[in-house]
Amino acid sequence: MRFSEAIGHLLNGEYIRRSEWRKDFYIKKLEDEIVDSDGSAEVFYSKDIIANDWEIHQPKLDVGTVIQYNDGIIGIVLDPC
């Protein structure tokens, strides 16, 4: 997806990343700041802004993990599939 679409997901509380980044690296919105997975302030470079390989970060979910969706629904992962 393009950067403009990825920013929309970011503002909705989802984590986003570029496909070329290492698998455990992503960015998120924390209060009024955009930070990376290490908690450091994130700077966007021009190559990131024009890239079209943005994706939503999907962390690995183990059985028993409690998850909450943006609409407030809470669930528990029952099956790894």
N, C-alpha and C. Protein backbone atom coordinates (compact mmCIF):
# COMPACT_ATOMS: atom_id res chain seq x y z
N MET A 1 0.84 -1.17 0.00
CA MET A 1 0.00 0.00 0.00
C MET A 1 0.89 1.24 0.00
N ARG A 2 0.34 2.34 -0.39
CA ARG A 2 1.06 3.60 -0.44
C ARG A 2 1.13 4.23 0.95
N PHE A 3 2.05 5.16 1.12
CA PHE A 3 2.26 5.82 2.41
C PHE A 3 0.99 6.52 2.90
N SER A 4 0.28 7.18 2.00
CA SER A 4 -0.92 7.92 2.41
C SER A 4 -1.97 6.98 3.01
N GLU A 5 -2.11 5.79 2.47
CA GLU A 5 -3.05 4.82 3.01
C GLU A 5 -2.54 4.24 4.33
N ALA A 6 -1.23 3.99 4.41
CA ALA A 6 -0.63 3.45 5.63
C ALA A 6 -0.79 4.42 6.80
N ILE A 7 -0.67 5.72 6.54
CA ILE A 7 -0.84 6.72 7.60
C ILE A 7 -2.26 6.66 8.16
N GLY A 8 -3.24 6.42 7.31
CA GLY A 8 -4.62 6.26 7.79
C GLY A 8 -4.74 5.12 8.78
N HIS A 9 -4.09 4.00 8.48
CA HIS A 9 -4.10 2.86 9.41
C HIS A 9 -3.37 3.21 10.70
N LEU A 10 -2.26 3.93 10.57
CA LEU A 10 -1.48 4.33 11.74
C LEU A 10 -2.33 5.20 12.67
N LEU A 11 -3.07 6.15 12.10
CA LEU A 11 -3.90 7.03 12.91
C LEU A 11 -5.07 6.30 13.55
N ASN A 12 -5.43 5.14 13.02
CA ASN A 12 -6.49 4.31 13.60
C ASN A 12 -5.96 3.34 14.65
N GLY A 13 -4.69 3.48 15.02
CA GLY A 13 -4.12 2.67 16.09
C GLY A 13 -3.42 1.40 15.64
N GLU A 14 -3.34 1.16 14.33
CA GLU A 14 -2.65 -0.03 13.85
C GLU A 14 -1.16 0.25 13.70
N TYR A 15 -0.37 -0.80 13.73
CA TYR A 15 1.07 -0.68 13.52
C TYR A 15 1.34 -0.89 12.05
N ILE A 16 2.26 -0.11 11.48
CA ILE A 16 2.59 -0.25 10.07
C ILE A 16 4.09 -0.44 9.91
N ARG A 17 4.48 -0.97 8.76
CA ARG A 17 5.89 -1.21 8.46
C ARG A 17 6.09 -1.27 6.96
N ARG A 18 7.33 -1.17 6.54
CA ARG A 18 7.68 -1.39 5.15
C ARG A 18 8.13 -2.84 5.01
N SER A 19 7.82 -3.45 3.90
CA SER A 19 8.16 -4.87 3.72
C SER A 19 9.66 -5.11 3.72
N GLU A 20 10.46 -4.10 3.41
CA GLU A 20 11.91 -4.28 3.38
C GLU A 20 12.55 -4.20 4.77
N TRP A 21 11.80 -3.77 5.78
CA TRP A 21 12.32 -3.68 7.14
C TRP A 21 12.36 -5.07 7.77
N ARG A 22 13.19 -5.23 8.80
CA ARG A 22 13.22 -6.52 9.50
C ARG A 22 11.85 -6.79 10.09
N LYS A 23 11.51 -8.05 10.24
CA LYS A 23 10.14 -8.47 10.58
C LYS A 23 9.63 -7.95 11.92
N ASP A 24 10.51 -7.68 12.87
CA ASP A 24 10.05 -7.23 14.18
C ASP A 24 10.10 -5.71 14.34
N PHE A 25 10.33 -4.98 13.23
CA PHE A 25 10.42 -3.52 13.27
C PHE A 25 9.17 -2.92 12.65
N TYR A 26 8.54 -2.00 13.36
CA TYR A 26 7.32 -1.35 12.89
C TYR A 26 7.24 0.03 13.51
N ILE A 27 6.25 0.82 13.09
CA ILE A 27 6.01 2.11 13.72
C ILE A 27 4.57 2.15 14.22
N LYS A 28 4.36 2.97 15.23
CA LYS A 28 3.04 3.08 15.84
C LYS A 28 2.84 4.51 16.34
N LYS A 29 1.60 4.85 16.61
CA LYS A 29 1.26 6.16 17.19
C LYS A 29 1.14 5.97 18.69
N LEU A 30 1.88 6.76 19.41
CA LEU A 30 1.87 6.70 20.87
C LEU A 30 1.55 8.10 21.38
N GLU A 31 0.34 8.28 21.87
CA GLU A 31 -0.18 9.59 22.26
C GLU A 31 -0.09 10.53 21.05
N ASP A 32 0.70 11.58 21.10
CA ASP A 32 0.80 12.52 19.98
C ASP A 32 2.11 12.36 19.21
N GLU A 33 2.70 11.19 19.29
CA GLU A 33 4.00 10.96 18.69
C GLU A 33 3.97 9.70 17.83
N ILE A 34 4.80 9.66 16.82
CA ILE A 34 4.98 8.45 16.03
C ILE A 34 6.34 7.88 16.40
N VAL A 35 6.32 6.64 16.91
CA VAL A 35 7.56 6.01 17.39
C VAL A 35 7.74 4.66 16.71
N ASP A 36 8.97 4.15 16.76
CA ASP A 36 9.22 2.82 16.20
C ASP A 36 9.05 1.76 17.28
N SER A 37 9.29 0.53 16.93
CA SER A 37 9.06 -0.58 17.85
C SER A 37 9.99 -0.53 19.07
N ASP A 38 11.06 0.26 18.99
CA ASP A 38 11.97 0.42 20.12
C ASP A 38 11.58 1.59 21.01
N GLY A 39 10.55 2.36 20.60
CA GLY A 39 10.11 3.51 21.38
C GLY A 39 10.79 4.81 21.01
N SER A 40 11.65 4.80 19.99
CA SER A 40 12.34 6.01 19.56
C SER A 40 11.48 6.79 18.58
N ALA A 41 11.60 8.10 18.59
CA ALA A 41 10.85 8.94 17.65
C ALA A 41 11.23 8.54 16.23
N GLU A 42 10.23 8.45 15.37
CA GLU A 42 10.45 8.00 13.99
C GLU A 42 10.54 9.19 13.05
N VAL A 43 11.51 9.13 12.14
CA VAL A 43 11.69 10.13 11.11
C VAL A 43 11.41 9.46 9.77
N PHE A 44 10.60 10.09 8.95
CA PHE A 44 10.31 9.54 7.63
C PHE A 44 11.23 10.15 6.60
N TYR A 45 11.86 9.31 5.83
CA TYR A 45 12.72 9.76 4.74
C TYR A 45 11.91 9.82 3.46
N SER A 46 12.37 10.58 2.49
CA SER A 46 11.63 10.71 1.23
C SER A 46 11.42 9.37 0.56
N LYS A 47 12.39 8.46 0.67
CA LYS A 47 12.22 7.13 0.06
C LYS A 47 11.07 6.36 0.71
N ASP A 48 10.82 6.60 2.01
CA ASP A 48 9.69 5.96 2.69
C ASP A 48 8.36 6.56 2.24
N ILE A 49 8.35 7.86 2.06
CA ILE A 49 7.11 8.54 1.69
C ILE A 49 6.65 8.16 0.29
N ILE A 50 7.58 7.93 -0.62
CA ILE A 50 7.18 7.58 -1.99
C ILE A 50 7.08 6.07 -2.21
N ALA A 51 7.43 5.28 -1.21
CA ALA A 51 7.38 3.82 -1.35
C ALA A 51 5.94 3.32 -1.41
N ASN A 52 5.74 2.21 -2.07
CA ASN A 52 4.40 1.62 -2.12
C ASN A 52 4.39 0.20 -1.57
N ASP A 53 5.34 -0.11 -0.67
CA ASP A 53 5.40 -1.44 -0.06
C ASP A 53 5.04 -1.42 1.42
N TRP A 54 4.23 -0.46 1.84
CA TRP A 54 3.80 -0.38 3.23
C TRP A 54 2.79 -1.49 3.51
N GLU A 55 2.80 -1.98 4.74
CA GLU A 55 1.87 -3.03 5.14
C GLU A 55 1.53 -2.86 6.61
N ILE A 56 0.44 -3.48 7.02
CA ILE A 56 0.06 -3.49 8.43
C ILE A 56 0.89 -4.55 9.13
N HIS A 57 1.47 -4.18 10.26
CA HIS A 57 2.29 -5.14 11.03
C HIS A 57 1.37 -6.12 11.72
N GLN A 58 1.58 -7.39 11.47
CA GLN A 58 0.78 -8.45 12.07
C GLN A 58 1.68 -9.27 13.00
N PRO A 59 1.69 -8.94 14.29
CA PRO A 59 2.55 -9.72 15.19
C PRO A 59 2.05 -11.15 15.31
N LYS A 60 2.97 -12.06 15.59
CA LYS A 60 2.60 -13.46 15.77
C LYS A 60 1.75 -13.59 17.02
N LEU A 61 0.61 -14.24 16.88
CA LEU A 61 -0.30 -14.43 18.01
C LEU A 61 -0.26 -15.88 18.46
N ASP A 62 0.03 -16.09 19.73
CA ASP A 62 0.05 -17.44 20.30
C ASP A 62 -1.33 -17.77 20.87
N VAL A 63 -1.60 -19.05 21.03
CA VAL A 63 -2.84 -19.49 21.66
C VAL A 63 -2.91 -18.90 23.06
N GLY A 64 -4.05 -18.33 23.41
CA GLY A 64 -4.24 -17.72 24.71
C GLY A 64 -3.97 -16.22 24.74
N THR A 65 -3.50 -15.66 23.62
CA THR A 65 -3.25 -14.23 23.55
C THR A 65 -4.56 -13.47 23.55
N VAL A 66 -4.66 -12.46 24.38
CA VAL A 66 -5.84 -11.60 24.41
C VAL A 66 -5.62 -10.48 23.41
N ILE A 67 -6.61 -10.27 22.54
CA ILE A 67 -6.49 -9.22 21.53
C ILE A 67 -7.69 -8.28 21.65
N GLN A 68 -7.48 -7.03 21.26
CA GLN A 68 -8.57 -6.06 21.24
C GLN A 68 -8.55 -5.35 19.89
N TYR A 69 -9.68 -5.32 19.25
CA TYR A 69 -9.81 -4.65 17.96
C TYR A 69 -10.07 -3.17 18.18
N ASN A 70 -9.91 -2.37 17.12
CA ASN A 70 -10.10 -0.93 17.21
C ASN A 70 -11.51 -0.54 17.64
N ASP A 71 -12.50 -1.39 17.36
CA ASP A 71 -13.88 -1.07 17.74
C ASP A 71 -14.20 -1.48 19.18
N GLY A 72 -13.19 -1.96 19.94
CA GLY A 72 -13.38 -2.30 21.34
C GLY A 72 -13.68 -3.75 21.63
N ILE A 73 -13.90 -4.57 20.60
CA ILE A 73 -14.19 -5.99 20.81
C ILE A 73 -12.93 -6.68 21.31
N ILE A 74 -13.07 -7.47 22.36
CA ILE A 74 -11.95 -8.19 22.94
C ILE A 74 -12.12 -9.68 22.67
N GLY A 75 -11.05 -10.36 22.33
CA GLY A 75 -11.12 -11.80 22.07
C GLY A 75 -9.84 -12.48 22.54
N ILE A 76 -9.88 -13.80 22.50
CA ILE A 76 -8.73 -14.62 22.86
C ILE A 76 -8.45 -15.56 21.70
N VAL A 77 -7.17 -15.70 21.33
CA VAL A 77 -6.78 -16.60 20.26
C VAL A 77 -6.92 -18.04 20.77
N LEU A 78 -7.75 -18.83 20.09
CA LEU A 78 -8.00 -20.21 20.52
C LEU A 78 -7.26 -21.22 19.67
N ASP A 79 -6.91 -20.86 18.46
CA ASP A 79 -6.28 -21.78 17.53
C ASP A 79 -5.20 -21.03 16.77
N PRO A 80 -3.99 -21.59 16.69
CA PRO A 80 -2.91 -20.87 15.99
C PRO A 80 -3.16 -20.68 14.51
N CYS A 81 -4.13 -21.38 13.93
CA CYS A 81 -4.44 -21.22 12.50
C CYS A 81 -5.39 -20.09 12.30
